[in-house]
Each structure stands twice: as structure tokens, then as C-alpha cells.
Amino acid sequence: MNEIDYIGFDIHKKTISYCVKQSDGKILEEEVVAANRPALEEWAEKRERGWIGAMEATLFTGWVYDTLKPYVLLTLLPLGGTGDLCLSLTRTYHECP
């Protein structure tokens, strides 16, 4: 069976924080990447498993979405909310009804 990771993004002007959670609920990593296309593409190319991402809708979401689109199975863009909500959603994905 193919494993899928769940990744929540908190997008800022200069950095993007992310939390990667495995399907069994284990947090695999929490890191920060520079908010630019080359850094984000390099990060995405290193992902070894398929993943679903969640990010907030902000001024910076458009280019991040476009950059990640070729690498991700599905990207969720919650209406309203904050990046902290997206990280929280990733951390509690399997506890949600």
C-alpha cells in the first residue's frame, strides 16, 4: 500500500513553516523553508511519498499553490482561517470527524 503524508503549511512573506504527518498520526517533521520558488521546488522534489497539503488563503498562496501543484496529490485551501489552523489540521487530521 502506498503511504500518503498530510502536510500543513503556514505561509509568510519570507518563510513557509510546515508540519508533515503520516497517516497513522505520527508527526514526521516540522520545519521552515524559504518562501521562494527554488527553495520550495527543491523541498518538494525531495518528498519520497505522495502527500496532501493544506494552506491558508493569503496574498502569498497563489504562487505557492502554483509551485507545489506538480508535486502534490491534492491541495486544500481552507476558506478563512490561518496558517496555524492548517498546521493544526495536519496534526489532528485523523481525529477530525
C-alpha atoms as a PDB file:
ATOM      1  CA  MET A   1       0.000   0.000   0.000  1.00  0.00           C
ATOM      2  CA  ASN A   2       1.258   3.485  -0.820  1.00  0.00           C
ATOM      3  CA  GLU A   3       1.648   5.779   2.151  1.00  0.00           C
ATOM      4  CA  ILE A   4       0.335   9.321   1.952  1.00  0.00           C
ATOM      5  CA  ASP A   5       1.604  12.152   4.121  1.00  0.00           C
ATOM      6  CA  TYR A   6      -0.518  15.114   5.220  1.00  0.00           C
ATOM      7  CA  ILE A   7       1.272  18.462   5.186  1.00  0.00           C
ATOM      8  CA  GLY A   8       0.025  21.733   6.660  1.00  0.00           C
ATOM      9  CA  PHE A   9       1.639  24.993   5.534  1.00  0.00           C
ATOM     10  CA  ASP A  10       1.833  28.321   7.363  1.00  0.00           C
ATOM     11  CA  ILE A  11       2.795  30.819   4.648  1.00  0.00           C
ATOM     12  CA  HIS A  12       4.583  34.093   5.392  1.00  0.00           C
ATOM     13  CA  LYS A  13       6.324  36.610   3.162  1.00  0.00           C
ATOM     14  CA  LYS A  14       9.843  35.256   3.758  1.00  0.00           C
ATOM     15  CA  THR A  15       9.288  31.773   5.197  1.00  0.00           C
ATOM     16  CA  ILE A  16       6.916  28.812   4.981  1.00  0.00           C
ATOM     17  CA  SER A  17       6.523  26.639   8.069  1.00  0.00           C
ATOM     18  CA  TYR A  18       5.229  23.126   7.565  1.00  0.00           C
ATOM     19  CA  CYS A  19       4.248  20.055   9.535  1.00  0.00           C
ATOM     20  CA  VAL A  20       4.291  16.591   7.961  1.00  0.00           C
ATOM     21  CA  LYS A  21       2.056  13.920   9.451  1.00  0.00           C
ATOM     22  CA  GLN A  22       1.901  10.295   8.429  1.00  0.00           C
ATOM     23  CA  SER A  23      -1.456   8.523   8.013  1.00  0.00           C
ATOM     24  CA  ASP A  24      -1.130   6.756  11.386  1.00  0.00           C
ATOM     25  CA  GLY A  25      -0.911  10.133  13.153  1.00  0.00           C
ATOM     26  CA  LYS A  26       2.836  10.259  13.718  1.00  0.00           C
ATOM     27  CA  ILE A  27       4.421  13.670  13.118  1.00  0.00           C
ATOM     28  CA  LEU A  28       7.390  13.101  10.810  1.00  0.00           C
ATOM     29  CA  GLU A  29       8.828  16.601  10.648  1.00  0.00           C
ATOM     30  CA  GLU A  30       8.202  20.248  11.435  1.00  0.00           C
ATOM     31  CA  GLU A  31      10.495  22.670   9.632  1.00  0.00           C
ATOM     32  CA  VAL A  32      10.746  26.010   7.844  1.00  0.00           C
ATOM     33  CA  VAL A  33      11.663  26.595   4.191  1.00  0.00           C
ATOM     34  CA  ALA A  34      12.484  29.896   2.489  1.00  0.00           C
ATOM     35  CA  ALA A  35       9.486  31.426   0.707  1.00  0.00           C
ATOM     36  CA  ASN A  36      10.843  31.380  -2.830  1.00  0.00           C
ATOM     37  CA  ARG A  37      10.251  29.120  -5.838  1.00  0.00           C
ATOM     38  CA  PRO A  38      13.701  27.466  -5.996  1.00  0.00           C
ATOM     39  CA  ALA A  39      13.678  26.550  -2.285  1.00  0.00           C
ATOM     40  CA  LEU A  40      10.095  25.276  -2.422  1.00  0.00           C
ATOM     41  CA  GLU A  41      10.731  23.240  -5.588  1.00  0.00           C
ATOM     42  CA  GLU A  42      13.861  21.724  -4.045  1.00  0.00           C
ATOM     43  CA  TRP A  43      11.859  20.811  -0.926  1.00  0.00           C
ATOM     44  CA  ALA A  44       9.010  19.294  -2.976  1.00  0.00           C
ATOM     45  CA  GLU A  45      11.355  17.237  -5.163  1.00  0.00           C
ATOM     46  CA  LYS A  46      12.803  15.588  -2.040  1.00  0.00           C
ATOM     47  CA  ARG A  47       9.412  14.263  -0.869  1.00  0.00           C
ATOM     48  CA  GLU A  48       9.641  10.481  -1.107  1.00  0.00           C
ATOM     49  CA  ARG A  49       5.939   9.714  -0.653  1.00  0.00           C
ATOM     50  CA  GLY A  50       2.711  11.093  -2.035  1.00  0.00           C
ATOM     51  CA  TRP A  51       1.144  13.885   0.023  1.00  0.00           C
ATOM     52  CA  ILE A  52      -1.897  16.050   0.531  1.00  0.00           C
ATOM     53  CA  GLY A  53      -1.326  19.668   1.519  1.00  0.00           C
ATOM     54  CA  ALA A  54      -3.385  22.289   3.339  1.00  0.00           C
ATOM     55  CA  MET A  55      -2.666  26.019   3.370  1.00  0.00           C
ATOM     56  CA  GLU A  56      -4.448  29.215   4.232  1.00  0.00           C
ATOM     57  CA  ALA A  57      -5.633  31.629   1.563  1.00  0.00           C
ATOM     58  CA  THR A  58      -3.410  34.750   1.743  1.00  0.00           C
ATOM     59  CA  LEU A  59      -1.693  37.170  -0.619  1.00  0.00           C
ATOM     60  CA  PHE A  60       1.154  34.654  -0.901  1.00  0.00           C
ATOM     61  CA  THR A  61      -0.909  31.499  -1.504  1.00  0.00           C
ATOM     62  CA  GLY A  62      -1.173  31.812  -5.294  1.00  0.00           C
ATOM     63  CA  TRP A  63       2.477  31.329  -6.194  1.00  0.00           C
ATOM     64  CA  VAL A  64       2.917  28.646  -3.507  1.00  0.00           C
ATOM     65  CA  TYR A  65      -0.076  26.711  -4.883  1.00  0.00           C
ATOM     66  CA  ASP A  66       1.212  27.036  -8.455  1.00  0.00           C
ATOM     67  CA  THR A  67       4.721  25.920  -7.437  1.00  0.00           C
ATOM     68  CA  LEU A  68       3.518  22.855  -5.494  1.00  0.00           C
ATOM     69  CA  LYS A  69       0.768  21.770  -7.911  1.00  0.00           C
ATOM     70  CA  PRO A  70       3.000  19.397  -9.973  1.00  0.00           C
ATOM     71  CA  TYR A  71       4.195  17.602  -6.809  1.00  0.00           C
ATOM     72  CA  VAL A  72       1.060  17.188  -4.672  1.00  0.00           C
ATOM     73  CA  LEU A  73      -1.840  14.722  -4.874  1.00  0.00           C
ATOM     74  CA  LEU A  74      -4.330  17.293  -3.530  1.00  0.00           C
ATOM     75  CA  THR A  75      -4.066  20.777  -2.039  1.00  0.00           C
ATOM     76  CA  LEU A  76      -6.728  22.080   0.327  1.00  0.00           C
ATOM     77  CA  LEU A  77      -7.274  25.824   0.635  1.00  0.00           C
ATOM     78  CA  PRO A  78      -9.490  26.449   3.678  1.00  0.00           C
ATOM     79  CA  LEU A  79     -11.741  29.485   3.422  1.00  0.00           C
ATOM     80  CA  GLY A  80     -10.587  31.983   6.031  1.00  0.00           C
ATOM     81  CA  GLY A  81      -8.629  30.647   8.965  1.00  0.00           C
ATOM     82  CA  THR A  82      -4.911  30.953   9.490  1.00  0.00           C
ATOM     83  CA  GLY A  83      -1.779  29.009   8.756  1.00  0.00           C
ATOM     84  CA  ASP A  84      -1.800  27.901  12.370  1.00  0.00           C
ATOM     85  CA  LEU A  85      -5.187  26.318  11.634  1.00  0.00           C
ATOM     86  CA  CYS A  86      -3.653  24.457   8.684  1.00  0.00           C
ATOM     87  CA  LEU A  87      -0.800  23.153  10.829  1.00  0.00           C
ATOM     88  CA  SER A  88      -3.362  22.140  13.432  1.00  0.00           C
ATOM     89  CA  LEU A  89      -5.467  20.390  10.792  1.00  0.00           C
ATOM     90  CA  THR A  90      -2.438  18.391   9.730  1.00  0.00           C
ATOM     91  CA  ARG A  91      -1.583  17.463  13.293  1.00  0.00           C
ATOM     92  CA  THR A  92      -5.153  16.359  14.093  1.00  0.00           C
ATOM     93  CA  TYR A  93      -6.226  15.023  10.677  1.00  0.00           C
ATOM     94  CA  HIS A  94      -7.346  11.598  11.902  1.00  0.00           C
ATOM     95  CA  GLU A  95      -9.059  12.946  14.986  1.00  0.00           C
ATOM     96  CA  CYS A  96     -11.397  15.103  12.853  1.00  0.00           C
ATOM     97  CA  PRO A  97     -14.868  13.640  12.281  1.00  0.00           C
END
